[in-house]
Structures are given as C-alpha cells and as structure tokens.
Amino acid sequence: MEHEGEILHPRDLLVDVWQYHDAAGASTLVRAHVSNLRRKLRDVLGTSDQIQTIRGKGYRFSA
C-alpha cells in the first residue's frame, strides 16, 4: 500500500516484502502469494480488483 499505483516487479516484492535475498523462482512464489491475497480480498470486500497484473512487468495496487 506504501507504493500505491506503482508497478512492482516480483523480484522487488520478494526482497522488499518477504526479505528474500535470492530471486530464484520469484514469479512462481509471488504469483502464489498474490493469488492468496486476491482470494482474501474477494472474501472480505467482494472484489480483488485492487491488485492488477501488469503483464511482463509485475503488479500494481490501487485502492
């Protein structure tokens, strides 16, 4: 939420959010976390549109 509107690459998310130092498997791991987060947002808010996938670049959060 601190970077609302910015596109964040999966490698950046691994380092900044989960403190990973090795980005191997970044896209698969981040994809799984984003999927879980979207599911939780849908359960609570009824929508998961806040997290957008920007093909080839990463993810963007917009409130």
PDB file of N, CA and C in Angstrom:
ATOM      1  N   MET A   1       0.823  -1.176   0.000  1.00  0.00           N
ATOM      2  CA  MET A   1       0.000   0.000   0.000  1.00  0.00           C
ATOM      3  C   MET A   1       0.878   1.255   0.000  1.00  0.00           C
ATOM      4  N   GLU A   2       2.065   1.097   0.503  1.00  0.00           N
ATOM      5  CA  GLU A   2       3.019   2.205   0.536  1.00  0.00           C
ATOM      6  C   GLU A   2       3.391   2.677  -0.867  1.00  0.00           C
ATOM      7  N   HIS A   3       3.278   1.788  -1.846  1.00  0.00           N
ATOM      8  CA  HIS A   3       3.659   2.089  -3.226  1.00  0.00           C
ATOM      9  C   HIS A   3       2.441   2.072  -4.147  1.00  0.00           C
ATOM     10  N   GLU A   4       1.317   2.558  -3.663  1.00  0.00           N
ATOM     11  CA  GLU A   4       0.082   2.529  -4.440  1.00  0.00           C
ATOM     12  C   GLU A   4       0.288   3.176  -5.806  1.00  0.00           C
ATOM     13  N   GLY A   5      -0.185   2.467  -6.842  1.00  0.00           N
ATOM     14  CA  GLY A   5      -0.093   2.971  -8.205  1.00  0.00           C
ATOM     15  C   GLY A   5       1.194   2.622  -8.916  1.00  0.00           C
ATOM     16  N   GLU A   6       2.207   2.206  -8.176  1.00  0.00           N
ATOM     17  CA  GLU A   6       3.489   1.838  -8.784  1.00  0.00           C
ATOM     18  C   GLU A   6       3.450   0.381  -9.240  1.00  0.00           C
ATOM     19  N   ILE A   7       4.152   0.080 -10.307  1.00  0.00           N
ATOM     20  CA  ILE A   7       4.285  -1.302 -10.758  1.00  0.00           C
ATOM     21  C   ILE A   7       5.510  -1.883 -10.078  1.00  0.00           C
ATOM     22  N   LEU A   8       5.305  -2.981  -9.368  1.00  0.00           N
ATOM     23  CA  LEU A   8       6.399  -3.629  -8.649  1.00  0.00           C
ATOM     24  C   LEU A   8       6.683  -4.990  -9.270  1.00  0.00           C
ATOM     25  N   HIS A   9       7.934  -5.203  -9.619  1.00  0.00           N
ATOM     26  CA  HIS A   9       8.377  -6.464 -10.198  1.00  0.00           C
ATOM     27  C   HIS A   9       8.391  -7.536  -9.103  1.00  0.00           C
ATOM     28  N   PRO A  10       8.089  -8.778  -9.458  1.00  0.00           N
ATOM     29  CA  PRO A  10       8.105  -9.857  -8.454  1.00  0.00           C
ATOM     30  C   PRO A  10       9.409  -9.941  -7.660  1.00  0.00           C
ATOM     31  N   ARG A  11      10.556  -9.710  -8.301  1.00  0.00           N
ATOM     32  CA  ARG A  11      11.831  -9.742  -7.564  1.00  0.00           C
ATOM     33  C   ARG A  11      11.867  -8.676  -6.484  1.00  0.00           C
ATOM     34  N   ASP A  12      11.364  -7.482  -6.810  1.00  0.00           N
ATOM     35  CA  ASP A  12      11.333  -6.401  -5.825  1.00  0.00           C
ATOM     36  C   ASP A  12      10.421  -6.748  -4.657  1.00  0.00           C
ATOM     37  N   LEU A  13       9.284  -7.363  -4.960  1.00  0.00           N
ATOM     38  CA  LEU A  13       8.369  -7.770  -3.891  1.00  0.00           C
ATOM     39  C   LEU A  13       9.024  -8.799  -2.971  1.00  0.00           C
ATOM     40  N   LEU A  14       9.732  -9.756  -3.554  1.00  0.00           N
ATOM     41  CA  LEU A  14      10.399 -10.769  -2.727  1.00  0.00           C
ATOM     42  C   LEU A  14      11.407 -10.140  -1.775  1.00  0.00           C
ATOM     43  N   VAL A  15      12.173  -9.209  -2.272  1.00  0.00           N
ATOM     44  CA  VAL A  15      13.200  -8.569  -1.447  1.00  0.00           C
ATOM     45  C   VAL A  15      12.577  -7.620  -0.426  1.00  0.00           C
ATOM     46  N   ASP A  16      11.681  -6.746  -0.876  1.00  0.00           N
ATOM     47  CA  ASP A  16      11.133  -5.700  -0.009  1.00  0.00           C
ATOM     48  C   ASP A  16      10.086  -6.206   0.977  1.00  0.00           C
ATOM     49  N   VAL A  17       9.252  -7.139   0.550  1.00  0.00           N
ATOM     50  CA  VAL A  17       8.152  -7.604   1.402  1.00  0.00           C
ATOM     51  C   VAL A  17       8.558  -8.815   2.227  1.00  0.00           C
ATOM     52  N   TRP A  18       9.181  -9.795   1.581  1.00  0.00           N
ATOM     53  CA  TRP A  18       9.476 -11.051   2.275  1.00  0.00           C
ATOM     54  C   TRP A  18      10.957 -11.230   2.611  1.00  0.00           C
ATOM     55  N   GLN A  19      11.792 -10.218   2.375  1.00  0.00           N
ATOM     56  CA  GLN A  19      13.221 -10.211   2.688  1.00  0.00           C
ATOM     57  C   GLN A  19      13.990 -11.398   2.095  1.00  0.00           C
ATOM     58  N   TYR A  20      13.596 -11.838   0.904  1.00  0.00           N
ATOM     59  CA  TYR A  20      14.342 -12.880   0.207  1.00  0.00           C
ATOM     60  C   TYR A  20      15.580 -12.241  -0.403  1.00  0.00           C
ATOM     61  N   HIS A  21      16.669 -12.958  -0.401  1.00  0.00           N
ATOM     62  CA  HIS A  21      17.902 -12.446  -0.988  1.00  0.00           C
ATOM     63  C   HIS A  21      18.210 -13.119  -2.312  1.00  0.00           C
ATOM     64  N   ASP A  22      17.512 -14.218  -2.586  1.00  0.00           N
ATOM     65  CA  ASP A  22      17.689 -14.939  -3.843  1.00  0.00           C
ATOM     66  C   ASP A  22      16.367 -14.888  -4.587  1.00  0.00           C
ATOM     67  N   ALA A  23      16.367 -14.339  -5.765  1.00  0.00           N
ATOM     68  CA  ALA A  23      15.129 -14.154  -6.520  1.00  0.00           C
ATOM     69  C   ALA A  23      14.778 -15.358  -7.387  1.00  0.00           C
ATOM     70  N   ALA A  24      15.482 -16.479  -7.203  1.00  0.00           N
ATOM     71  CA  ALA A  24      15.178 -17.671  -7.985  1.00  0.00           C
ATOM     72  C   ALA A  24      13.753 -18.126  -7.680  1.00  0.00           C
ATOM     73  N   GLY A  25      12.984 -18.379  -8.712  1.00  0.00           N
ATOM     74  CA  GLY A  25      11.608 -18.800  -8.539  1.00  0.00           C
ATOM     75  C   GLY A  25      10.675 -17.667  -8.151  1.00  0.00           C
ATOM     76  N   ALA A  26      11.118 -16.444  -8.375  1.00  0.00           N
ATOM     77  CA  ALA A  26      10.368 -15.264  -7.939  1.00  0.00           C
ATOM     78  C   ALA A  26       8.950 -15.241  -8.480  1.00  0.00           C
ATOM     79  N   SER A  27       8.799 -15.459  -9.757  1.00  0.00           N
ATOM     80  CA  SER A  27       7.472 -15.300 -10.344  1.00  0.00           C
ATOM     81  C   SER A  27       6.484 -16.320  -9.797  1.00  0.00           C
ATOM     82  N   THR A  28       6.903 -17.559  -9.611  1.00  0.00           N
ATOM     83  CA  THR A  28       6.007 -18.590  -9.098  1.00  0.00           C
ATOM     84  C   THR A  28       5.608 -18.318  -7.656  1.00  0.00           C
ATOM     85  N   LEU A  29       6.554 -17.973  -6.834  1.00  0.00           N
ATOM     86  CA  LEU A  29       6.277 -17.712  -5.421  1.00  0.00           C
ATOM     87  C   LEU A  29       5.391 -16.481  -5.244  1.00  0.00           C
ATOM     88  N   VAL A  30       5.708 -15.408  -5.942  1.00  0.00           N
ATOM     89  CA  VAL A  30       4.914 -14.186  -5.831  1.00  0.00           C
ATOM     90  C   VAL A  30       3.523 -14.412  -6.398  1.00  0.00           C
ATOM     91  N   ARG A  31       3.417 -15.137  -7.495  1.00  0.00           N
ATOM     92  CA  ARG A  31       2.105 -15.439  -8.079  1.00  0.00           C
ATOM     93  C   ARG A  31       1.218 -16.161  -7.076  1.00  0.00           C
ATOM     94  N   ALA A  32       1.783 -17.098  -6.341  1.00  0.00           N
ATOM     95  CA  ALA A  32       1.016 -17.824  -5.324  1.00  0.00           C
ATOM     96  C   ALA A  32       0.561 -16.894  -4.199  1.00  0.00           C
ATOM     97  N   HIS A  33       1.442 -16.027  -3.732  1.00  0.00           N
ATOM     98  CA  HIS A  33       1.085 -15.080  -2.669  1.00  0.00           C
ATOM     99  C   HIS A  33       0.012 -14.093  -3.138  1.00  0.00           C
ATOM    100  N   VAL A  34       0.152 -13.597  -4.358  1.00  0.00           N
ATOM    101  CA  VAL A  34      -0.825 -12.649  -4.899  1.00  0.00           C
ATOM    102  C   VAL A  34      -2.183 -13.335  -5.058  1.00  0.00           C
ATOM    103  N   SER A  35      -2.175 -14.566  -5.488  1.00  0.00           N
ATOM    104  CA  SER A  35      -3.425 -15.320  -5.623  1.00  0.00           C
ATOM    105  C   SER A  35      -4.130 -15.463  -4.277  1.00  0.00           C
ATOM    106  N   ASN A  36      -3.370 -15.796  -3.245  1.00  0.00           N
ATOM    107  CA  ASN A  36      -3.947 -15.918  -1.898  1.00  0.00           C
ATOM    108  C   ASN A  36      -4.483 -14.578  -1.404  1.00  0.00           C
ATOM    109  N   LEU A  37      -3.743 -13.517  -1.658  1.00  0.00           N
ATOM    110  CA  LEU A  37      -4.168 -12.190  -1.230  1.00  0.00           C
ATOM    111  C   LEU A  37      -5.440 -11.766  -1.968  1.00  0.00           C
ATOM    112  N   ARG A  38      -5.502 -12.050  -3.253  1.00  0.00           N
ATOM    113  CA  ARG A  38      -6.710 -11.723  -4.028  1.00  0.00           C
ATOM    114  C   ARG A  38      -7.925 -12.479  -3.490  1.00  0.00           C
ATOM    115  N   ARG A  39      -7.736 -13.736  -3.172  1.00  0.00           N
ATOM    116  CA  ARG A  39      -8.833 -14.540  -2.619  1.00  0.00           C
ATOM    117  C   ARG A  39      -9.329 -13.947  -1.297  1.00  0.00           C
ATOM    118  N   LYS A  40      -8.416 -13.528  -0.450  1.00  0.00           N
ATOM    119  CA  LYS A  40      -8.803 -12.929   0.828  1.00  0.00           C
ATOM    120  C   LYS A  40      -9.517 -11.595   0.624  1.00  0.00           C
ATOM    121  N   LEU A  41      -9.051 -10.791  -0.327  1.00  0.00           N
ATOM    122  CA  LEU A  41      -9.724  -9.529  -0.631  1.00  0.00           C
ATOM    123  C   LEU A  41     -11.137  -9.774  -1.145  1.00  0.00           C
ATOM    124  N   ARG A  42     -11.305 -10.783  -2.010  1.00  0.00           N
ATOM    125  CA  ARG A  42     -12.631 -11.131  -2.521  1.00  0.00           C
ATOM    126  C   ARG A  42     -13.565 -11.546  -1.399  1.00  0.00           C
ATOM    127  N   ASP A  43     -13.039 -12.332  -0.454  1.00  0.00           N
ATOM    128  CA  ASP A  43     -13.854 -12.790   0.675  1.00  0.00           C
ATOM    129  C   ASP A  43     -14.328 -11.629   1.540  1.00  0.00           C
ATOM    130  N   VAL A  44     -13.463 -10.643   1.744  1.00  0.00           N
ATOM    131  CA  VAL A  44     -13.771  -9.522   2.629  1.00  0.00           C
ATOM    132  C   VAL A  44     -14.504  -8.397   1.903  1.00  0.00           C
ATOM    133  N   LEU A  45     -14.006  -8.028   0.723  1.00  0.00           N
ATOM    134  CA  LEU A  45     -14.527  -6.855   0.018  1.00  0.00           C
ATOM    135  C   LEU A  45     -15.476  -7.194  -1.130  1.00  0.00           C
ATOM    136  N   GLY A  46     -15.478  -8.448  -1.543  1.00  0.00           N
ATOM    137  CA  GLY A  46     -16.302  -8.839  -2.674  1.00  0.00           C
ATOM    138  C   GLY A  46     -15.633  -8.619  -4.020  1.00  0.00           C
ATOM    139  N   THR A  47     -14.430  -8.100  -4.025  1.00  0.00           N
ATOM    140  CA  THR A  47     -13.679  -7.872  -5.258  1.00  0.00           C
ATOM    141  C   THR A  47     -12.178  -7.933  -4.959  1.00  0.00           C
ATOM    142  N   SER A  48     -11.423  -8.258  -5.982  1.00  0.00           N
ATOM    143  CA  SER A  48      -9.969  -8.265  -5.834  1.00  0.00           C
ATOM    144  C   SER A  48      -9.333  -7.358  -6.883  1.00  0.00           C
ATOM    145  N   ASP A  49     -10.107  -6.417  -7.395  1.00  0.00           N
ATOM    146  CA  ASP A  49      -9.636  -5.517  -8.445  1.00  0.00           C
ATOM    147  C   ASP A  49      -8.517  -4.585  -7.989  1.00  0.00           C
ATOM    148  N   GLN A  50      -8.252  -4.523  -6.708  1.00  0.00           N
ATOM    149  CA  GLN A  50      -7.222  -3.622  -6.192  1.00  0.00           C
ATOM    150  C   GLN A  50      -5.825  -4.041  -6.628  1.00  0.00           C
ATOM    151  N   ILE A  51      -5.641  -5.324  -6.897  1.00  0.00           N
ATOM    152  CA  ILE A  51      -4.324  -5.822  -7.325  1.00  0.00           C
ATOM    153  C   ILE A  51      -4.413  -6.144  -8.809  1.00  0.00           C
ATOM    154  N   GLN A  52      -3.649  -5.416  -9.593  1.00  0.00           N
ATOM    155  CA  GLN A  52      -3.657  -5.601 -11.038  1.00  0.00           C
ATOM    156  C   GLN A  52      -2.355  -6.261 -11.478  1.00  0.00           C
ATOM    157  N   THR A  53      -2.467  -7.186 -12.407  1.00  0.00           N
ATOM    158  CA  THR A  53      -1.286  -7.786 -13.015  1.00  0.00           C
ATOM    159  C   THR A  53      -0.942  -6.979 -14.253  1.00  0.00           C
ATOM    160  N   ILE A  54       0.286  -6.508 -14.315  1.00  0.00           N
ATOM    161  CA  ILE A  54       0.779  -5.776 -15.476  1.00  0.00           C
ATOM    162  C   ILE A  54       1.705  -6.742 -16.211  1.00  0.00           C
ATOM    163  N   ARG A  55       1.195  -7.310 -17.264  1.00  0.00           N
ATOM    164  CA  ARG A  55       1.893  -8.379 -17.985  1.00  0.00           C
ATOM    165  C   ARG A  55       3.331  -7.989 -18.344  1.00  0.00           C
ATOM    166  N   GLY A  56       4.265  -8.861 -17.971  1.00  0.00           N
ATOM    167  CA  GLY A  56       5.671  -8.651 -18.287  1.00  0.00           C
ATOM    168  C   GLY A  56       6.392  -7.674 -17.378  1.00  0.00           C
ATOM    169  N   LYS A  57       5.647  -7.057 -16.421  1.00  0.00           N
ATOM    170  CA  LYS A  57       6.270  -6.053 -15.548  1.00  0.00           C
ATOM    171  C   LYS A  57       6.098  -6.353 -14.081  1.00  0.00           C
ATOM    172  N   GLY A  58       4.916  -6.766 -13.659  1.00  0.00           N
ATOM    173  CA  GLY A  58       4.714  -7.031 -12.243  1.00  0.00           C
ATOM    174  C   GLY A  58       3.282  -6.776 -11.802  1.00  0.00           C
ATOM    175  N   TYR A  59       3.143  -6.212 -10.624  1.00  0.00           N
ATOM    176  CA  TYR A  59       1.839  -5.993 -10.012  1.00  0.00           C
ATOM    177  C   TYR A  59       1.696  -4.550  -9.563  1.00  0.00           C
ATOM    178  N   ARG A  60       0.435  -4.078  -9.575  1.00  0.00           N
ATOM    179  CA  ARG A  60       0.161  -2.726  -9.132  1.00  0.00           C
ATOM    180  C   ARG A  60      -1.043  -2.783  -8.190  1.00  0.00           C
ATOM    181  N   PHE A  61      -0.939  -2.073  -7.073  1.00  0.00           N
ATOM    182  CA  PHE A  61      -2.045  -1.955  -6.114  1.00  0.00           C
ATOM    183  C   PHE A  61      -2.688  -0.590  -6.286  1.00  0.00           C
ATOM    184  N   SER A  62      -4.002  -0.585  -6.373  1.00  0.00           N
ATOM    185  CA  SER A  62      -4.726   0.689  -6.394  1.00  0.00           C
ATOM    186  C   SER A  62      -5.954   0.547  -5.518  1.00  0.00           C
ATOM    187  N   ALA A  63      -6.124   1.512  -4.656  1.00  0.00           N
ATOM    188  CA  ALA A  63      -7.238   1.460  -3.707  1.00  0.00           C
ATOM    189  C   ALA A  63      -8.522   1.895  -4.351  1.00  0.00           C
TER     190      ALA A  63
END
